[in-house]
Amino acid sequence: MDRRKSIKTLFIGGVSISVLAEACTTRENSPVAPTEKEKEAIASGINRMKEEIAHEKMLDAEPAFFTPMEMATITVLGDIIIPRDSISGSASDAKVPAFIEFIVKDMPEHQTPIRGGLRWLDVQCLNRYGKAFTECELNQQMQMVDEIAWPKKAKPDMLRGVAFFNLMRNLVATGFYTSEIGVKDVGYIGNMPNQWNGVPEDVLKQYNLAYTEKELKECISFS
């Protein structure tokens, strides 16, 4: 799967190409990078609500939902959905399996569909290849995935697998593109302060406006 093409489906939505082109244009005044102090504040969770931190700690303290074998299947499947390439790491490099473990605790409605889907996948592989999904050869794993990854092409008896794979694909993509690796992969830098020299002179003239001498002396120039 071409990760770069998939980005368009995941993130563009209704945004026009012209808006994206404008957003990707290099500015003369580049954004100011966050200071080390700001980075430490973000990493330490200072900017997070106390309730959010407490809720996360509570979920982390709960026993693991998935068995080691289920986590192994999630890891293999996640790396098939988003493999490592020359630009960035894989889903497992971005700790997506741990993210999915967290999600099923935070959103229990996902527990039965995912656990049921994992068992469905293993039963299918046992019937076809005599082995569980994680023990199959890569080409066998890909054959199985190909039958459930494309909803419009899937056979009627594969619809349960299609629903499971759709859920897994959404969770893997969400986990990956909200991780540090995924954010770097798309080049997102977030809201950053710009170096701005004020309203351009030609625009000020257009509206018969001008900065006062006092304003000009007090302002910082980045030129």
N, C-alpha and C. Protein backbone atom coordinates (compact mmCIF):
# COMPACT_ATOMS: atom_id res chain seq x y z
N MET A 1 0.84 -1.20 0.00
CA MET A 1 0.00 0.00 0.00
C MET A 1 0.88 1.25 0.00
N ASP A 2 0.56 2.24 -0.88
CA ASP A 2 1.32 3.47 -0.96
C ASP A 2 0.87 4.41 0.14
N ARG A 3 1.71 4.60 1.15
CA ARG A 3 1.32 5.40 2.30
C ARG A 3 1.04 6.84 1.91
N ARG A 4 1.82 7.37 0.98
CA ARG A 4 1.64 8.76 0.58
C ARG A 4 0.29 8.99 -0.09
N LYS A 5 -0.17 8.04 -0.90
CA LYS A 5 -1.48 8.16 -1.53
C LYS A 5 -2.59 8.02 -0.50
N SER A 6 -2.35 7.17 0.50
CA SER A 6 -3.37 6.97 1.53
C SER A 6 -3.56 8.22 2.37
N ILE A 7 -2.52 9.05 2.50
CA ILE A 7 -2.60 10.28 3.28
C ILE A 7 -3.74 11.15 2.75
N LYS A 8 -3.88 11.21 1.42
CA LYS A 8 -4.90 12.06 0.84
C LYS A 8 -6.29 11.64 1.32
N THR A 9 -6.53 10.35 1.35
CA THR A 9 -7.82 9.84 1.79
C THR A 9 -8.05 10.14 3.27
N LEU A 10 -6.99 10.03 4.06
CA LEU A 10 -7.13 10.19 5.51
C LEU A 10 -7.29 11.64 5.93
N PHE A 11 -6.56 12.54 5.28
CA PHE A 11 -6.47 13.89 5.80
C PHE A 11 -7.04 15.00 4.92
N ILE A 12 -7.12 14.81 3.63
CA ILE A 12 -7.55 15.91 2.77
C ILE A 12 -9.04 16.17 2.91
N GLY A 13 -9.85 15.10 2.78
CA GLY A 13 -11.30 15.27 2.89
C GLY A 13 -11.81 16.27 1.88
N GLY A 14 -12.46 17.33 2.37
CA GLY A 14 -13.04 18.31 1.47
C GLY A 14 -12.14 19.47 1.16
N VAL A 15 -10.90 19.46 1.59
CA VAL A 15 -10.00 20.58 1.35
C VAL A 15 -9.58 20.61 -0.10
N SER A 16 -9.63 21.77 -0.73
CA SER A 16 -9.29 21.87 -2.14
C SER A 16 -7.80 21.79 -2.36
N ILE A 17 -7.40 21.43 -3.59
CA ILE A 17 -5.99 21.32 -3.93
C ILE A 17 -5.31 22.67 -3.81
N SER A 18 -6.02 23.75 -4.15
CA SER A 18 -5.41 25.08 -4.08
C SER A 18 -5.06 25.45 -2.65
N VAL A 19 -5.94 25.08 -1.71
CA VAL A 19 -5.65 25.36 -0.30
C VAL A 19 -4.44 24.59 0.17
N LEU A 20 -4.35 23.31 -0.25
CA LEU A 20 -3.20 22.50 0.14
C LEU A 20 -1.92 23.04 -0.46
N ALA A 21 -1.99 23.46 -1.71
CA ALA A 21 -0.81 24.00 -2.36
C ALA A 21 -0.32 25.25 -1.64
N GLU A 22 -1.28 26.10 -1.23
CA GLU A 22 -0.93 27.31 -0.49
C GLU A 22 -0.31 26.96 0.85
N ALA A 23 -0.88 25.94 1.51
CA ALA A 23 -0.37 25.54 2.83
C ALA A 23 1.03 24.98 2.76
N CYS A 24 1.37 24.36 1.62
CA CYS A 24 2.68 23.73 1.47
C CYS A 24 3.73 24.67 0.90
N THR A 25 3.33 25.91 0.54
CA THR A 25 4.28 26.84 -0.05
C THR A 25 5.27 27.31 1.00
N THR A 26 6.54 27.33 0.65
CA THR A 26 7.58 27.80 1.56
C THR A 26 7.51 29.30 1.71
N ARG A 27 7.46 29.78 2.92
CA ARG A 27 7.39 31.21 3.19
C ARG A 27 8.80 31.78 3.34
N GLU A 28 8.89 33.09 3.06
CA GLU A 28 10.17 33.75 3.26
C GLU A 28 10.52 33.79 4.73
N ASN A 29 9.52 34.05 5.56
CA ASN A 29 9.72 34.06 7.01
C ASN A 29 9.30 32.72 7.56
N SER A 30 10.24 31.83 7.80
CA SER A 30 9.94 30.47 8.24
C SER A 30 9.47 30.46 9.68
N PRO A 31 8.68 29.45 10.08
CA PRO A 31 8.18 29.36 11.45
C PRO A 31 9.32 29.25 12.45
N VAL A 32 9.08 29.77 13.64
CA VAL A 32 10.07 29.69 14.70
C VAL A 32 9.92 28.35 15.42
N ALA A 33 11.00 27.61 15.52
CA ALA A 33 10.95 26.29 16.17
C ALA A 33 10.71 26.46 17.66
N PRO A 34 10.02 25.51 18.30
CA PRO A 34 9.78 25.61 19.74
C PRO A 34 11.10 25.53 20.50
N THR A 35 11.17 26.24 21.62
CA THR A 35 12.38 26.22 22.43
C THR A 35 12.48 24.89 23.17
N GLU A 36 13.65 24.63 23.72
CA GLU A 36 13.84 23.39 24.49
C GLU A 36 12.91 23.37 25.70
N LYS A 37 12.68 24.53 26.30
CA LYS A 37 11.78 24.61 27.45
C LYS A 37 10.36 24.26 27.05
N GLU A 38 9.93 24.73 25.86
CA GLU A 38 8.59 24.42 25.37
C GLU A 38 8.45 22.93 25.07
N LYS A 39 9.51 22.34 24.49
CA LYS A 39 9.49 20.91 24.20
C LYS A 39 9.38 20.09 25.48
N GLU A 40 10.12 20.51 26.51
CA GLU A 40 10.08 19.80 27.80
C GLU A 40 8.69 19.90 28.42
N ALA A 41 8.05 21.06 28.28
CA ALA A 41 6.71 21.25 28.84
C ALA A 41 5.71 20.32 28.18
N ILE A 42 5.82 20.21 26.86
CA ILE A 42 4.90 19.34 26.12
C ILE A 42 5.12 17.88 26.52
N ALA A 43 6.41 17.47 26.58
CA ALA A 43 6.74 16.07 26.89
C ALA A 43 6.33 15.70 28.31
N SER A 44 6.39 16.64 29.23
CA SER A 44 6.07 16.35 30.63
C SER A 44 4.58 16.35 30.91
N GLY A 45 3.78 16.76 29.90
CA GLY A 45 2.33 16.75 30.08
C GLY A 45 1.80 17.98 30.79
N ILE A 46 2.61 19.04 30.87
CA ILE A 46 2.16 20.25 31.56
C ILE A 46 0.92 20.84 30.88
N ASN A 47 0.84 20.70 29.56
CA ASN A 47 -0.26 21.29 28.82
C ASN A 47 -1.49 20.39 28.76
N ARG A 48 -1.54 19.35 29.56
CA ARG A 48 -2.67 18.43 29.54
C ARG A 48 -3.52 18.62 30.80
N MET A 49 -4.80 18.34 30.67
CA MET A 49 -5.70 18.47 31.81
C MET A 49 -5.41 17.38 32.85
N LYS A 50 -5.62 17.70 34.12
CA LYS A 50 -5.38 16.74 35.19
C LYS A 50 -6.28 15.52 35.05
N GLU A 51 -7.54 15.75 34.62
CA GLU A 51 -8.48 14.65 34.45
C GLU A 51 -8.00 13.70 33.36
N GLU A 52 -7.42 14.25 32.31
CA GLU A 52 -6.92 13.43 31.21
C GLU A 52 -5.77 12.55 31.67
N ILE A 53 -4.84 13.13 32.41
CA ILE A 53 -3.69 12.38 32.91
C ILE A 53 -4.15 11.29 33.87
N ALA A 54 -5.10 11.61 34.75
CA ALA A 54 -5.61 10.63 35.72
C ALA A 54 -6.31 9.49 35.01
N HIS A 55 -7.09 9.80 33.98
CA HIS A 55 -7.81 8.77 33.23
C HIS A 55 -6.83 7.83 32.53
N GLU A 56 -5.79 8.40 31.95
CA GLU A 56 -4.79 7.58 31.26
C GLU A 56 -4.06 6.66 32.23
N LYS A 57 -3.72 7.17 33.41
CA LYS A 57 -3.05 6.36 34.42
C LYS A 57 -3.94 5.22 34.89
N MET A 58 -5.23 5.50 35.00
CA MET A 58 -6.17 4.47 35.43
C MET A 58 -6.23 3.34 34.41
N LEU A 59 -6.28 3.70 33.11
CA LEU A 59 -6.34 2.68 32.07
C LEU A 59 -5.04 1.88 31.99
N ASP A 60 -3.91 2.58 32.18
CA ASP A 60 -2.61 1.89 32.14
C ASP A 60 -2.48 0.89 33.28
N ALA A 61 -3.16 1.16 34.39
CA ALA A 61 -3.06 0.27 35.55
C ALA A 61 -3.92 -0.98 35.40
N GLU A 62 -4.85 -0.98 34.46
CA GLU A 62 -5.70 -2.15 34.25
C GLU A 62 -4.91 -3.29 33.64
N PRO A 63 -5.31 -4.54 33.88
CA PRO A 63 -4.63 -5.68 33.26
C PRO A 63 -4.73 -5.61 31.74
N ALA A 64 -3.76 -6.18 31.06
CA ALA A 64 -3.78 -6.19 29.60
C ALA A 64 -5.02 -6.90 29.08
N PHE A 65 -5.65 -6.32 28.07
CA PHE A 65 -6.83 -6.95 27.49
C PHE A 65 -6.43 -8.06 26.51
N PHE A 66 -5.52 -7.76 25.62
CA PHE A 66 -5.12 -8.74 24.61
C PHE A 66 -4.10 -9.73 25.16
N THR A 67 -4.20 -10.95 24.71
CA THR A 67 -3.21 -11.97 25.06
C THR A 67 -1.94 -11.71 24.24
N PRO A 68 -0.79 -12.27 24.64
CA PRO A 68 0.44 -12.11 23.85
C PRO A 68 0.26 -12.56 22.40
N MET A 69 -0.49 -13.63 22.17
CA MET A 69 -0.71 -14.10 20.80
C MET A 69 -1.55 -13.10 20.00
N GLU A 70 -2.56 -12.53 20.65
CA GLU A 70 -3.38 -11.52 19.97
C GLU A 70 -2.55 -10.29 19.65
N MET A 71 -1.68 -9.88 20.57
CA MET A 71 -0.83 -8.72 20.33
C MET A 71 0.14 -8.99 19.18
N ALA A 72 0.61 -10.23 19.09
CA ALA A 72 1.51 -10.58 17.99
C ALA A 72 0.79 -10.46 16.65
N THR A 73 -0.48 -10.89 16.60
CA THR A 73 -1.27 -10.78 15.37
C THR A 73 -1.52 -9.32 15.02
N ILE A 74 -1.86 -8.52 16.02
CA ILE A 74 -2.08 -7.09 15.81
C ILE A 74 -0.82 -6.43 15.26
N THR A 75 0.34 -6.82 15.79
CA THR A 75 1.61 -6.24 15.36
C THR A 75 1.89 -6.58 13.90
N VAL A 76 1.73 -7.85 13.53
CA VAL A 76 1.98 -8.27 12.14
C VAL A 76 1.01 -7.59 11.20
N LEU A 77 -0.26 -7.57 11.57
CA LEU A 77 -1.28 -6.96 10.72
C LEU A 77 -1.04 -5.45 10.58
N GLY A 78 -0.67 -4.80 11.67
CA GLY A 78 -0.38 -3.36 11.62
C GLY A 78 0.76 -3.04 10.69
N ASP A 79 1.80 -3.89 10.70
CA ASP A 79 2.96 -3.64 9.84
C ASP A 79 2.68 -3.97 8.38
N ILE A 80 1.66 -4.76 8.13
CA ILE A 80 1.23 -4.98 6.75
C ILE A 80 0.48 -3.74 6.25
N ILE A 81 -0.32 -3.15 7.14
CA ILE A 81 -1.08 -1.96 6.77
C ILE A 81 -0.16 -0.76 6.58
N ILE A 82 0.75 -0.55 7.51
CA ILE A 82 1.74 0.53 7.38
C ILE A 82 3.13 -0.06 7.62
N PRO A 83 3.80 -0.47 6.54
CA PRO A 83 5.14 -1.06 6.68
C PRO A 83 6.23 0.00 6.82
N ARG A 84 7.37 -0.40 7.26
CA ARG A 84 8.53 0.49 7.31
C ARG A 84 8.99 0.78 5.88
N ASP A 85 9.40 2.01 5.62
CA ASP A 85 9.94 2.34 4.30
C ASP A 85 11.14 3.27 4.46
N SER A 86 11.61 3.83 3.35
CA SER A 86 12.82 4.66 3.37
C SER A 86 12.58 6.00 4.05
N ILE A 87 11.31 6.37 4.27
CA ILE A 87 11.00 7.67 4.85
C ILE A 87 10.71 7.59 6.34
N SER A 88 10.01 6.55 6.75
CA SER A 88 9.67 6.45 8.18
C SER A 88 9.49 5.00 8.59
N GLY A 89 9.27 4.82 9.89
CA GLY A 89 9.13 3.48 10.44
C GLY A 89 7.76 2.88 10.20
N SER A 90 7.58 1.69 10.71
CA SER A 90 6.32 0.95 10.53
C SER A 90 5.35 1.27 11.66
N ALA A 91 4.18 0.64 11.58
CA ALA A 91 3.18 0.82 12.63
C ALA A 91 3.72 0.38 13.99
N SER A 92 4.42 -0.74 14.01
CA SER A 92 4.96 -1.21 15.30
C SER A 92 6.07 -0.30 15.80
N ASP A 93 6.84 0.30 14.90
CA ASP A 93 7.87 1.27 15.31
C ASP A 93 7.21 2.46 16.01
N ALA A 94 5.99 2.80 15.57
CA ALA A 94 5.26 3.92 16.16
C ALA A 94 4.43 3.50 17.37
N LYS A 95 4.63 2.23 17.83
CA LYS A 95 3.93 1.70 19.00
C LYS A 95 2.41 1.67 18.83
N VAL A 96 1.99 1.37 17.60
CA VAL A 96 0.56 1.28 17.33
C VAL A 96 -0.12 0.14 18.09
N PRO A 97 0.52 -1.05 18.25
CA PRO A 97 -0.13 -2.09 19.04
C PRO A 97 -0.49 -1.63 20.46
N ALA A 98 0.40 -0.89 21.09
CA ALA A 98 0.11 -0.36 22.44
C ALA A 98 -1.04 0.64 22.39
N PHE A 99 -1.10 1.41 21.31
CA PHE A 99 -2.19 2.36 21.13
C PHE A 99 -3.53 1.62 21.04
N ILE A 100 -3.57 0.52 20.29
CA ILE A 100 -4.81 -0.25 20.14
C ILE A 100 -5.21 -0.89 21.46
N GLU A 101 -4.22 -1.37 22.22
CA GLU A 101 -4.50 -1.90 23.56
C GLU A 101 -5.14 -0.82 24.43
N PHE A 102 -4.63 0.40 24.33
CA PHE A 102 -5.19 1.51 25.10
C PHE A 102 -6.61 1.83 24.64
N ILE A 103 -6.82 1.84 23.33
CA ILE A 103 -8.12 2.21 22.77
C ILE A 103 -9.22 1.25 23.22
N VAL A 104 -8.94 -0.06 23.21
CA VAL A 104 -10.00 -1.01 23.59
C VAL A 104 -10.35 -0.91 25.07
N LYS A 105 -9.44 -0.39 25.88
CA LYS A 105 -9.77 -0.14 27.29
C LYS A 105 -10.58 1.15 27.41
N ASP A 106 -10.17 2.16 26.64
CA ASP A 106 -10.85 3.45 26.68
C ASP A 106 -12.21 3.41 25.99
N MET A 107 -12.32 2.56 24.95
CA MET A 107 -13.56 2.43 24.19
C MET A 107 -13.91 0.94 24.11
N PRO A 108 -14.50 0.38 25.15
CA PRO A 108 -14.75 -1.07 25.24
C PRO A 108 -15.59 -1.64 24.10
N GLU A 109 -16.32 -0.79 23.40
CA GLU A 109 -17.13 -1.30 22.29
C GLU A 109 -16.29 -1.91 21.17
N HIS A 110 -14.98 -1.63 21.19
CA HIS A 110 -14.09 -2.21 20.18
C HIS A 110 -13.56 -3.59 20.59
N GLN A 111 -13.74 -3.97 21.83
CA GLN A 111 -13.13 -5.21 22.32
C GLN A 111 -13.64 -6.45 21.60
N THR A 112 -14.94 -6.62 21.55
CA THR A 112 -15.51 -7.81 20.92
C THR A 112 -15.24 -7.85 19.41
N PRO A 113 -15.44 -6.74 18.66
CA PRO A 113 -15.15 -6.78 17.22
C PRO A 113 -13.70 -7.13 16.90
N ILE A 114 -12.75 -6.61 17.69
CA ILE A 114 -11.35 -6.88 17.39
C ILE A 114 -10.97 -8.29 17.81
N ARG A 115 -11.35 -8.67 19.01
CA ARG A 115 -11.02 -10.04 19.46
C ARG A 115 -11.69 -11.07 18.56
N GLY A 116 -12.94 -10.84 18.21
CA GLY A 116 -13.63 -11.75 17.30
C GLY A 116 -12.97 -11.78 15.93
N GLY A 117 -12.52 -10.62 15.46
CA GLY A 117 -11.86 -10.56 14.16
C GLY A 117 -10.52 -11.28 14.15
N LEU A 118 -9.80 -11.16 15.24
CA LEU A 118 -8.51 -11.86 15.34
C LEU A 118 -8.70 -13.37 15.31
N ARG A 119 -9.73 -13.84 16.00
CA ARG A 119 -10.02 -15.29 16.00
C ARG A 119 -10.49 -15.73 14.62
N TRP A 120 -11.32 -14.90 13.97
CA TRP A 120 -11.79 -15.22 12.62
C TRP A 120 -10.60 -15.36 11.67
N LEU A 121 -9.63 -14.45 11.80
CA LEU A 121 -8.45 -14.47 10.94
C LEU A 121 -7.64 -15.75 11.15
N ASP A 122 -7.47 -16.14 12.40
CA ASP A 122 -6.71 -17.36 12.68
C ASP A 122 -7.44 -18.61 12.18
N VAL A 123 -8.76 -18.65 12.34
CA VAL A 123 -9.53 -19.80 11.85
C VAL A 123 -9.41 -19.91 10.33
N GLN A 124 -9.49 -18.79 9.65
CA GLN A 124 -9.35 -18.79 8.19
C GLN A 124 -7.98 -19.34 7.78
N CYS A 125 -6.94 -18.90 8.47
CA CYS A 125 -5.59 -19.35 8.14
C CYS A 125 -5.38 -20.83 8.50
N LEU A 126 -5.96 -21.26 9.60
CA LEU A 126 -5.86 -22.67 9.99
C LEU A 126 -6.54 -23.57 8.96
N ASN A 127 -7.68 -23.15 8.46
CA ASN A 127 -8.39 -23.92 7.45
C ASN A 127 -7.65 -23.95 6.11
N ARG A 128 -6.97 -22.86 5.79
CA ARG A 128 -6.30 -22.78 4.50
C ARG A 128 -4.88 -23.33 4.53
N TYR A 129 -4.15 -22.92 5.57
CA TYR A 129 -2.71 -23.23 5.60
C TYR A 129 -2.30 -24.13 6.76
N GLY A 130 -3.22 -24.43 7.64
CA GLY A 130 -2.90 -25.28 8.77
C GLY A 130 -2.10 -24.58 9.84
N LYS A 131 -2.07 -23.23 9.79
CA LYS A 131 -1.30 -22.45 10.77
C LYS A 131 -2.06 -21.18 11.13
N ALA A 132 -1.75 -20.64 12.31
CA ALA A 132 -2.32 -19.36 12.71
C ALA A 132 -1.72 -18.26 11.83
N PHE A 133 -2.36 -17.10 11.82
CA PHE A 133 -1.94 -16.01 10.93
C PHE A 133 -0.47 -15.63 11.12
N THR A 134 -0.02 -15.49 12.36
CA THR A 134 1.36 -15.07 12.61
C THR A 134 2.38 -16.12 12.19
N GLU A 135 1.97 -17.38 12.08
CA GLU A 135 2.89 -18.45 11.72
C GLU A 135 2.93 -18.68 10.21
N CYS A 136 2.05 -18.02 9.48
CA CYS A 136 2.02 -18.19 8.02
C CYS A 136 3.19 -17.47 7.36
N GLU A 137 3.52 -17.89 6.15
CA GLU A 137 4.52 -17.20 5.36
C GLU A 137 3.95 -15.84 4.95
N LEU A 138 4.83 -14.89 4.61
CA LEU A 138 4.37 -13.55 4.26
C LEU A 138 3.41 -13.58 3.07
N ASN A 139 3.71 -14.39 2.06
CA ASN A 139 2.82 -14.45 0.90
C ASN A 139 1.45 -14.99 1.27
N GLN A 140 1.39 -15.91 2.24
CA GLN A 140 0.11 -16.44 2.70
C GLN A 140 -0.66 -15.36 3.47
N GLN A 141 0.06 -14.61 4.31
CA GLN A 141 -0.57 -13.52 5.05
C GLN A 141 -1.14 -12.48 4.08
N MET A 142 -0.38 -12.16 3.05
CA MET A 142 -0.84 -11.17 2.08
C MET A 142 -2.03 -11.67 1.27
N GLN A 143 -2.05 -12.95 0.96
CA GLN A 143 -3.20 -13.54 0.26
C GLN A 143 -4.46 -13.39 1.10
N MET A 144 -4.31 -13.64 2.39
CA MET A 144 -5.45 -13.53 3.29
C MET A 144 -5.91 -12.08 3.39
N VAL A 145 -4.96 -11.16 3.56
CA VAL A 145 -5.30 -9.74 3.68
C VAL A 145 -5.95 -9.21 2.40
N ASP A 146 -5.45 -9.65 1.26
CA ASP A 146 -6.01 -9.18 -0.01
C ASP A 146 -7.49 -9.51 -0.16
N GLU A 147 -7.94 -10.56 0.51
CA GLU A 147 -9.34 -10.97 0.39
C GLU A 147 -10.28 -10.14 1.27
N ILE A 148 -9.71 -9.39 2.20
CA ILE A 148 -10.56 -8.61 3.11
C ILE A 148 -10.23 -7.11 3.09
N ALA A 149 -9.18 -6.74 2.36
CA ALA A 149 -8.76 -5.33 2.36
C ALA A 149 -9.53 -4.47 1.36
N TRP A 150 -10.21 -5.10 0.41
CA TRP A 150 -10.90 -4.36 -0.64
C TRP A 150 -12.39 -4.70 -0.59
N PRO A 151 -13.18 -3.93 0.14
CA PRO A 151 -14.60 -4.24 0.36
C PRO A 151 -15.40 -4.53 -0.92
N LYS A 152 -15.17 -3.77 -1.98
CA LYS A 152 -15.95 -3.94 -3.21
C LYS A 152 -15.59 -5.22 -3.96
N LYS A 153 -14.42 -5.76 -3.68
CA LYS A 153 -13.98 -6.98 -4.36
C LYS A 153 -14.17 -8.23 -3.50
N ALA A 154 -14.49 -8.03 -2.24
CA ALA A 154 -14.57 -9.16 -1.30
C ALA A 154 -15.76 -10.07 -1.60
N LYS A 155 -15.57 -11.35 -1.38
CA LYS A 155 -16.64 -12.33 -1.55
C LYS A 155 -17.60 -12.24 -0.37
N PRO A 156 -18.85 -12.63 -0.55
CA PRO A 156 -19.85 -12.54 0.54
C PRO A 156 -19.42 -13.22 1.83
N ASP A 157 -18.72 -14.35 1.73
CA ASP A 157 -18.32 -15.07 2.94
C ASP A 157 -17.13 -14.41 3.64
N MET A 158 -16.61 -13.33 3.05
CA MET A 158 -15.49 -12.62 3.65
C MET A 158 -15.92 -11.32 4.33
N LEU A 159 -17.22 -11.04 4.35
CA LEU A 159 -17.69 -9.75 4.85
C LEU A 159 -17.36 -9.52 6.32
N ARG A 160 -17.36 -10.58 7.12
CA ARG A 160 -16.98 -10.42 8.53
C ARG A 160 -15.51 -9.99 8.62
N GLY A 161 -14.69 -10.59 7.79
CA GLY A 161 -13.27 -10.21 7.76
C GLY A 161 -13.08 -8.80 7.25
N VAL A 162 -13.90 -8.38 6.29
CA VAL A 162 -13.82 -7.02 5.76
C VAL A 162 -14.11 -6.00 6.86
N ALA A 163 -15.17 -6.26 7.64
CA ALA A 163 -15.52 -5.34 8.73
C ALA A 163 -14.39 -5.25 9.75
N PHE A 164 -13.79 -6.39 10.07
CA PHE A 164 -12.67 -6.41 11.02
C PHE A 164 -11.48 -5.64 10.46
N PHE A 165 -11.15 -5.88 9.20
CA PHE A 165 -9.98 -5.22 8.63
C PHE A 165 -10.20 -3.72 8.51
N ASN A 166 -11.42 -3.30 8.18
CA ASN A 166 -11.70 -1.87 8.11
C ASN A 166 -11.46 -1.19 9.46
N LEU A 167 -11.91 -1.85 10.53
CA LEU A 167 -11.71 -1.31 11.87
C LEU A 167 -10.23 -1.26 12.21
N MET A 168 -9.50 -2.34 11.92
CA MET A 168 -8.08 -2.37 12.19
C MET A 168 -7.33 -1.31 11.39
N ARG A 169 -7.67 -1.16 10.13
CA ARG A 169 -7.00 -0.17 9.28
C ARG A 169 -7.20 1.23 9.84
N ASN A 170 -8.44 1.54 10.27
CA ASN A 170 -8.71 2.85 10.85
C ASN A 170 -7.92 3.08 12.13
N LEU A 171 -7.86 2.07 12.99
CA LEU A 171 -7.14 2.21 14.25
C LEU A 171 -5.63 2.32 14.02
N VAL A 172 -5.11 1.51 13.10
CA VAL A 172 -3.68 1.56 12.80
C VAL A 172 -3.31 2.92 12.23
N ALA A 173 -4.10 3.43 11.28
CA ALA A 173 -3.82 4.73 10.69
C ALA A 173 -3.91 5.84 11.73
N THR A 174 -4.92 5.76 12.60
CA THR A 174 -5.07 6.77 13.65
C THR A 174 -3.89 6.73 14.61
N GLY A 175 -3.52 5.52 15.04
CA GLY A 175 -2.39 5.38 15.96
C GLY A 175 -1.09 5.85 15.36
N PHE A 176 -0.88 5.52 14.09
CA PHE A 176 0.38 5.89 13.44
C PHE A 176 0.47 7.40 13.21
N TYR A 177 -0.58 7.99 12.65
CA TYR A 177 -0.51 9.40 12.28
C TYR A 177 -0.77 10.36 13.43
N THR A 178 -0.94 9.83 14.63
CA THR A 178 -0.95 10.68 15.82
C THR A 178 0.29 10.41 16.67
N SER A 179 1.21 9.62 16.15
CA SER A 179 2.47 9.35 16.84
C SER A 179 3.54 10.32 16.34
N GLU A 180 4.64 10.38 17.04
CA GLU A 180 5.74 11.26 16.62
C GLU A 180 6.25 10.87 15.24
N ILE A 181 6.37 9.56 14.99
CA ILE A 181 6.84 9.10 13.68
C ILE A 181 5.86 9.50 12.59
N GLY A 182 4.57 9.32 12.84
CA GLY A 182 3.56 9.64 11.83
C GLY A 182 3.46 11.12 11.55
N VAL A 183 3.57 11.93 12.59
CA VAL A 183 3.51 13.39 12.41
C VAL A 183 4.70 13.86 11.57
N LYS A 184 5.87 13.31 11.82
CA LYS A 184 7.04 13.66 11.00
C LYS A 184 6.88 13.16 9.58
N ASP A 185 6.20 12.02 9.43
CA ASP A 185 6.01 11.41 8.12
C ASP A 185 5.24 12.33 7.18
N VAL A 186 4.23 13.04 7.70
CA VAL A 186 3.44 13.95 6.87
C VAL A 186 3.97 15.38 6.89
N GLY A 187 5.01 15.63 7.70
CA GLY A 187 5.61 16.95 7.74
C GLY A 187 4.79 17.99 8.48
N TYR A 188 3.92 17.54 9.38
CA TYR A 188 3.07 18.48 10.12
C TYR A 188 3.86 19.10 11.26
N ILE A 189 3.81 20.43 11.39
CA ILE A 189 4.55 21.09 12.46
C ILE A 189 3.63 21.78 13.46
N GLY A 190 2.33 21.75 13.21
CA GLY A 190 1.39 22.34 14.15
C GLY A 190 1.36 23.85 14.09
N ASN A 191 0.72 24.46 15.06
CA ASN A 191 0.63 25.92 15.12
C ASN A 191 1.93 26.49 15.66
N MET A 192 2.62 27.21 14.81
CA MET A 192 3.91 27.78 15.19
C MET A 192 3.89 29.29 14.96
N PRO A 193 4.53 30.06 15.84
CA PRO A 193 4.59 31.52 15.63
C PRO A 193 5.44 31.86 14.41
N ASN A 194 4.97 32.82 13.63
CA ASN A 194 5.72 33.26 12.46
C ASN A 194 6.49 34.54 12.76
N GLN A 195 7.49 34.80 11.96
CA GLN A 195 8.22 36.06 12.03
C GLN A 195 7.53 37.01 11.06
N TRP A 196 6.81 38.00 11.60
CA TRP A 196 5.97 38.88 10.78
C TRP A 196 6.46 40.31 10.88
N ASN A 197 6.65 40.94 9.75
CA ASN A 197 7.12 42.32 9.72
C ASN A 197 5.99 43.33 9.57
N GLY A 198 4.78 42.89 9.82
CA GLY A 198 3.66 43.81 9.73
C GLY A 198 3.02 43.83 8.35
N VAL A 199 2.02 44.72 8.21
CA VAL A 199 1.30 44.82 6.94
C VAL A 199 2.24 45.38 5.88
N PRO A 200 2.29 44.76 4.68
CA PRO A 200 3.16 45.26 3.61
C PRO A 200 2.84 46.72 3.27
N GLU A 201 3.86 47.45 2.86
CA GLU A 201 3.71 48.88 2.58
C GLU A 201 2.69 49.15 1.49
N ASP A 202 2.66 48.32 0.45
CA ASP A 202 1.72 48.57 -0.65
C ASP A 202 0.27 48.40 -0.20
N VAL A 203 0.03 47.48 0.76
CA VAL A 203 -1.31 47.29 1.29
C VAL A 203 -1.72 48.48 2.15
N LEU A 204 -0.79 48.97 2.95
CA LEU A 204 -1.07 50.14 3.77
C LEU A 204 -1.45 51.34 2.89
N LYS A 205 -0.70 51.54 1.80
CA LYS A 205 -0.99 52.65 0.89
C LYS A 205 -2.36 52.50 0.24
N GLN A 206 -2.72 51.26 -0.08
CA GLN A 206 -4.01 50.99 -0.71
C GLN A 206 -5.16 51.48 0.15
N TYR A 207 -5.01 51.40 1.47
CA TYR A 207 -6.07 51.80 2.39
C TYR A 207 -5.76 53.12 3.10
N ASN A 208 -4.77 53.84 2.56
CA ASN A 208 -4.40 55.15 3.12
C ASN A 208 -4.06 55.05 4.61
N LEU A 209 -3.28 54.03 4.93
CA LEU A 209 -2.86 53.83 6.30
C LEU A 209 -1.34 53.84 6.38
N ALA A 210 -0.83 54.01 7.60
CA ALA A 210 0.62 53.98 7.80
C ALA A 210 0.92 53.78 9.27
N TYR A 211 2.04 53.15 9.53
CA TYR A 211 2.48 52.99 10.92
C TYR A 211 3.06 54.32 11.40
N THR A 212 2.85 54.59 12.68
CA THR A 212 3.44 55.81 13.26
C THR A 212 4.90 55.56 13.57
N GLU A 213 5.65 56.60 13.76
CA GLU A 213 7.07 56.48 14.11
C GLU A 213 7.23 55.71 15.41
N LYS A 214 6.33 55.95 16.36
CA LYS A 214 6.38 55.26 17.65
C LYS A 214 6.20 53.75 17.45
N GLU A 215 5.23 53.37 16.60
CA GLU A 215 4.97 51.95 16.34
C GLU A 215 6.17 51.29 15.66
N LEU A 216 6.76 51.99 14.73
CA LEU A 216 7.90 51.43 14.01
C LEU A 216 9.10 51.22 14.93
N LYS A 217 9.29 52.15 15.89
CA LYS A 217 10.40 52.02 16.83
C LYS A 217 10.18 50.87 17.81
N GLU A 218 8.90 50.63 18.17
CA GLU A 218 8.60 49.60 19.15
C GLU A 218 8.54 48.20 18.56
N CYS A 219 8.32 48.12 17.25
CA CYS A 219 8.19 46.82 16.60
C CYS A 219 9.54 46.19 16.32
N ILE A 220 9.58 44.87 16.32
CA ILE A 220 10.79 44.11 15.99
C ILE A 220 10.79 43.83 14.51
N SER A 221 11.90 44.08 13.86
CA SER A 221 12.01 43.79 12.42
C SER A 221 12.83 42.52 12.23
N PHE A 222 12.33 41.59 11.39
CA PHE A 222 13.02 40.35 11.11
C PHE A 222 13.78 40.40 9.79
N SER A 223 13.86 41.59 9.20
CA SER A 223 14.55 41.69 7.91
C SER A 223 16.05 41.68 8.09
